[in-house]
Amino acid sequence: MTLTPFVLLEIAVGLATIALALYRKFLATREETLIHLGPGEERETPKQADMAQRLHHIDRWGETLTVLTAAGGILLAAAYLVRAWALSLRPY
């Protein structure tokens, strides 16, 4: 059995993780860092709450994808090492 499909899947998950991190970074550049609570700023409060909620969801997905990427990489490395060890025990 070849590990190529698993390597390709791991690359795709890794690229998705990187893409999500870049999307979050670009989205966060539009975030307002000051909290608008004064009179006349009532329109800004829902926008800030919406942005905070969006960033929270992106962060949750980012954490999940990061864990999946790390776990997949460890499992892939372990599978490679087990396979290399099994092949080294084979007689010529």
N, C-alpha and C. Protein backbone atom coordinates (compact mmCIF):
# COMPACT_ATOMS: atom_id res chain seq x y z
N MET A 1 0.85 -1.19 0.00
CA MET A 1 0.00 0.00 0.00
C MET A 1 0.89 1.24 0.00
N THR A 2 0.52 2.18 -0.80
CA THR A 2 1.29 3.42 -0.93
C THR A 2 0.69 4.51 -0.04
N LEU A 3 1.54 5.40 0.40
CA LEU A 3 1.12 6.48 1.28
C LEU A 3 0.78 7.76 0.52
N THR A 4 0.88 7.73 -0.78
CA THR A 4 0.67 8.94 -1.59
C THR A 4 -0.68 9.60 -1.36
N PRO A 5 -1.81 8.87 -1.33
CA PRO A 5 -3.08 9.55 -1.09
C PRO A 5 -3.14 10.24 0.28
N PHE A 6 -2.52 9.62 1.26
CA PHE A 6 -2.51 10.21 2.60
C PHE A 6 -1.63 11.45 2.65
N VAL A 7 -0.53 11.42 1.93
CA VAL A 7 0.34 12.61 1.85
C VAL A 7 -0.39 13.74 1.16
N LEU A 8 -1.09 13.44 0.09
CA LEU A 8 -1.85 14.47 -0.62
C LEU A 8 -2.97 15.05 0.26
N LEU A 9 -3.63 14.19 1.01
CA LEU A 9 -4.66 14.65 1.94
C LEU A 9 -4.06 15.54 3.03
N GLU A 10 -2.91 15.16 3.53
CA GLU A 10 -2.24 15.95 4.56
C GLU A 10 -1.81 17.32 4.00
N ILE A 11 -1.35 17.34 2.78
CA ILE A 11 -0.98 18.60 2.14
C ILE A 11 -2.21 19.48 1.97
N ALA A 12 -3.32 18.89 1.56
CA ALA A 12 -4.56 19.67 1.38
C ALA A 12 -5.04 20.24 2.70
N VAL A 13 -5.00 19.46 3.77
CA VAL A 13 -5.42 19.97 5.08
C VAL A 13 -4.48 21.07 5.55
N GLY A 14 -3.19 20.89 5.32
CA GLY A 14 -2.22 21.91 5.69
C GLY A 14 -2.43 23.21 4.93
N LEU A 15 -2.70 23.10 3.64
CA LEU A 15 -2.96 24.30 2.84
C LEU A 15 -4.26 24.98 3.27
N ALA A 16 -5.26 24.19 3.63
CA ALA A 16 -6.51 24.77 4.13
C ALA A 16 -6.27 25.52 5.44
N THR A 17 -5.43 24.97 6.29
CA THR A 17 -5.09 25.63 7.55
C THR A 17 -4.39 26.96 7.29
N ILE A 18 -3.45 26.96 6.38
CA ILE A 18 -2.73 28.19 6.04
C ILE A 18 -3.67 29.21 5.41
N ALA A 19 -4.54 28.75 4.52
CA ALA A 19 -5.48 29.67 3.87
C ALA A 19 -6.43 30.29 4.89
N LEU A 20 -6.89 29.50 5.85
CA LEU A 20 -7.78 30.03 6.88
C LEU A 20 -7.05 31.03 7.76
N ALA A 21 -5.80 30.76 8.07
CA ALA A 21 -5.02 31.71 8.87
C ALA A 21 -4.82 33.03 8.13
N LEU A 22 -4.55 32.96 6.84
CA LEU A 22 -4.39 34.18 6.04
C LEU A 22 -5.71 34.94 5.93
N TYR A 23 -6.81 34.22 5.75
CA TYR A 23 -8.12 34.86 5.68
C TYR A 23 -8.43 35.57 6.99
N ARG A 24 -8.12 34.93 8.12
CA ARG A 24 -8.36 35.56 9.41
C ARG A 24 -7.49 36.80 9.58
N LYS A 25 -6.25 36.73 9.13
CA LYS A 25 -5.35 37.89 9.24
C LYS A 25 -5.88 39.06 8.42
N PHE A 26 -6.31 38.80 7.20
CA PHE A 26 -6.82 39.88 6.35
C PHE A 26 -8.15 40.40 6.87
N LEU A 27 -8.97 39.55 7.44
CA LEU A 27 -10.24 39.97 8.01
C LEU A 27 -10.02 40.81 9.26
N ALA A 28 -9.02 40.44 10.05
CA ALA A 28 -8.75 41.16 11.29
C ALA A 28 -8.17 42.55 11.03
N THR A 29 -7.62 42.80 9.85
CA THR A 29 -7.08 44.13 9.57
C THR A 29 -8.20 45.16 9.46
N ARG A 30 -9.42 44.69 9.15
CA ARG A 30 -10.57 45.61 9.06
C ARG A 30 -11.28 45.76 10.40
N GLU A 31 -10.78 45.05 11.43
CA GLU A 31 -11.43 45.11 12.73
C GLU A 31 -11.13 46.44 13.41
N GLU A 32 -12.15 47.00 14.01
CA GLU A 32 -12.01 48.24 14.78
C GLU A 32 -11.52 47.87 16.17
N THR A 33 -10.42 48.47 16.61
CA THR A 33 -9.85 48.10 17.90
C THR A 33 -10.45 48.88 19.06
N LEU A 34 -11.11 49.98 18.78
CA LEU A 34 -11.74 50.77 19.82
C LEU A 34 -13.20 50.32 19.99
N ILE A 35 -13.63 50.23 21.23
CA ILE A 35 -15.01 49.86 21.51
C ILE A 35 -15.86 51.12 21.47
N HIS A 36 -16.89 51.12 20.64
CA HIS A 36 -17.77 52.28 20.48
C HIS A 36 -18.98 52.13 21.39
N LEU A 37 -18.97 52.89 22.47
CA LEU A 37 -20.09 52.83 23.41
C LEU A 37 -20.73 54.20 23.62
N GLY A 38 -20.15 55.22 23.06
CA GLY A 38 -20.63 56.57 23.29
C GLY A 38 -21.90 56.89 22.51
N PRO A 39 -22.48 58.03 22.80
CA PRO A 39 -23.68 58.45 22.07
C PRO A 39 -23.33 58.72 20.60
N GLY A 40 -24.21 58.32 19.73
CA GLY A 40 -24.01 58.50 18.29
C GLY A 40 -23.22 57.38 17.65
N GLU A 41 -22.77 56.43 18.43
CA GLU A 41 -21.99 55.31 17.89
C GLU A 41 -22.76 53.99 17.95
N GLU A 42 -24.08 54.08 18.06
CA GLU A 42 -24.90 52.89 18.20
C GLU A 42 -24.81 51.98 16.98
N ARG A 43 -24.55 52.55 15.82
CA ARG A 43 -24.48 51.74 14.60
C ARG A 43 -23.21 50.89 14.57
N GLU A 44 -22.17 51.31 15.26
CA GLU A 44 -20.90 50.59 15.23
C GLU A 44 -20.89 49.35 16.13
N THR A 45 -21.68 49.38 17.19
CA THR A 45 -21.67 48.28 18.15
C THR A 45 -22.08 46.95 17.52
N PRO A 46 -23.17 46.86 16.73
CA PRO A 46 -23.50 45.57 16.09
C PRO A 46 -22.44 45.12 15.09
N LYS A 47 -21.81 46.06 14.42
CA LYS A 47 -20.75 45.70 13.47
C LYS A 47 -19.58 45.06 14.20
N GLN A 48 -19.22 45.66 15.35
CA GLN A 48 -18.12 45.11 16.12
C GLN A 48 -18.47 43.74 16.68
N ALA A 49 -19.68 43.58 17.15
CA ALA A 49 -20.11 42.29 17.69
C ALA A 49 -20.12 41.22 16.59
N ASP A 50 -20.56 41.60 15.39
CA ASP A 50 -20.57 40.67 14.27
C ASP A 50 -19.15 40.27 13.89
N MET A 51 -18.25 41.23 13.84
CA MET A 51 -16.85 40.94 13.49
C MET A 51 -16.22 40.03 14.55
N ALA A 52 -16.50 40.30 15.82
CA ALA A 52 -15.96 39.47 16.89
C ALA A 52 -16.48 38.04 16.78
N GLN A 53 -17.75 37.90 16.44
CA GLN A 53 -18.34 36.56 16.28
C GLN A 53 -17.72 35.83 15.09
N ARG A 54 -17.52 36.53 13.99
CA ARG A 54 -16.90 35.92 12.81
C ARG A 54 -15.47 35.47 13.12
N LEU A 55 -14.72 36.32 13.80
CA LEU A 55 -13.35 35.96 14.15
C LEU A 55 -13.32 34.78 15.13
N HIS A 56 -14.29 34.72 16.02
CA HIS A 56 -14.37 33.61 16.96
C HIS A 56 -14.61 32.29 16.22
N HIS A 57 -15.52 32.30 15.25
CA HIS A 57 -15.78 31.09 14.47
C HIS A 57 -14.56 30.68 13.66
N ILE A 58 -13.89 31.65 13.08
CA ILE A 58 -12.68 31.34 12.31
C ILE A 58 -11.60 30.77 13.23
N ASP A 59 -11.49 31.32 14.43
CA ASP A 59 -10.50 30.81 15.38
C ASP A 59 -10.81 29.37 15.77
N ARG A 60 -12.08 29.05 15.97
CA ARG A 60 -12.45 27.67 16.32
C ARG A 60 -12.09 26.71 15.19
N TRP A 61 -12.42 27.09 13.95
CA TRP A 61 -12.07 26.24 12.81
C TRP A 61 -10.55 26.15 12.66
N GLY A 62 -9.88 27.25 12.92
CA GLY A 62 -8.42 27.25 12.83
C GLY A 62 -7.78 26.30 13.83
N GLU A 63 -8.29 26.31 15.06
CA GLU A 63 -7.78 25.38 16.07
C GLU A 63 -8.02 23.94 15.65
N THR A 64 -9.21 23.67 15.15
CA THR A 64 -9.54 22.31 14.72
C THR A 64 -8.65 21.86 13.58
N LEU A 65 -8.49 22.71 12.58
CA LEU A 65 -7.64 22.35 11.44
C LEU A 65 -6.18 22.19 11.85
N THR A 66 -5.72 23.01 12.78
CA THR A 66 -4.34 22.89 13.24
C THR A 66 -4.12 21.56 13.94
N VAL A 67 -5.05 21.17 14.79
CA VAL A 67 -4.94 19.88 15.48
C VAL A 67 -4.99 18.73 14.47
N LEU A 68 -5.90 18.82 13.49
CA LEU A 68 -5.98 17.77 12.46
C LEU A 68 -4.70 17.70 11.64
N THR A 69 -4.13 18.84 11.31
CA THR A 69 -2.89 18.86 10.54
C THR A 69 -1.75 18.23 11.33
N ALA A 70 -1.63 18.61 12.60
CA ALA A 70 -0.56 18.06 13.43
C ALA A 70 -0.75 16.56 13.65
N ALA A 71 -1.96 16.14 13.99
CA ALA A 71 -2.22 14.72 14.23
C ALA A 71 -2.01 13.91 12.95
N GLY A 72 -2.47 14.43 11.84
CA GLY A 72 -2.27 13.73 10.57
C GLY A 72 -0.81 13.60 10.21
N GLY A 73 -0.04 14.65 10.46
CA GLY A 73 1.40 14.59 10.19
C GLY A 73 2.10 13.57 11.06
N ILE A 74 1.72 13.52 12.34
CA ILE A 74 2.33 12.54 13.24
C ILE A 74 1.96 11.12 12.82
N LEU A 75 0.69 10.91 12.48
CA LEU A 75 0.27 9.58 12.04
C LEU A 75 0.94 9.18 10.73
N LEU A 76 1.09 10.12 9.84
CA LEU A 76 1.75 9.84 8.57
C LEU A 76 3.22 9.50 8.78
N ALA A 77 3.88 10.24 9.64
CA ALA A 77 5.28 9.94 9.95
C ALA A 77 5.41 8.57 10.61
N ALA A 78 4.50 8.25 11.52
CA ALA A 78 4.54 6.94 12.17
C ALA A 78 4.31 5.83 11.16
N ALA A 79 3.36 6.01 10.26
CA ALA A 79 3.09 5.00 9.23
C ALA A 79 4.31 4.81 8.33
N TYR A 80 4.97 5.90 7.99
CA TYR A 80 6.17 5.81 7.16
C TYR A 80 7.27 5.05 7.88
N LEU A 81 7.47 5.36 9.17
CA LEU A 81 8.53 4.69 9.93
C LEU A 81 8.24 3.21 10.10
N VAL A 82 6.99 2.86 10.37
CA VAL A 82 6.62 1.44 10.51
C VAL A 82 6.83 0.72 9.19
N ARG A 83 6.46 1.36 8.11
CA ARG A 83 6.64 0.73 6.80
C ARG A 83 8.11 0.56 6.46
N ALA A 84 8.91 1.58 6.75
CA ALA A 84 10.35 1.48 6.48
C ALA A 84 10.98 0.40 7.35
N TRP A 85 10.54 0.30 8.59
CA TRP A 85 11.07 -0.73 9.48
C TRP A 85 10.68 -2.12 8.99
N ALA A 86 9.43 -2.29 8.55
CA ALA A 86 8.97 -3.58 8.04
C ALA A 86 9.72 -3.98 6.78
N LEU A 87 10.00 -3.01 5.93
CA LEU A 87 10.75 -3.31 4.70
C LEU A 87 12.21 -3.66 5.01
N SER A 88 12.75 -3.09 6.07
CA SER A 88 14.14 -3.39 6.40
C SER A 88 14.29 -4.78 6.99
N LEU A 89 13.22 -5.35 7.51
CA LEU A 89 13.28 -6.70 8.08
C LEU A 89 13.10 -7.78 7.04
N ARG A 90 12.65 -7.41 5.85
CA ARG A 90 12.43 -8.39 4.78
C ARG A 90 13.75 -8.94 4.27
N PRO A 91 13.81 -10.27 4.05
CA PRO A 91 15.03 -10.80 3.43
C PRO A 91 15.08 -10.44 1.94
N TYR A 92 16.25 -10.35 1.44
CA TYR A 92 16.42 -9.97 0.02
C TYR A 92 15.95 -11.08 -0.81
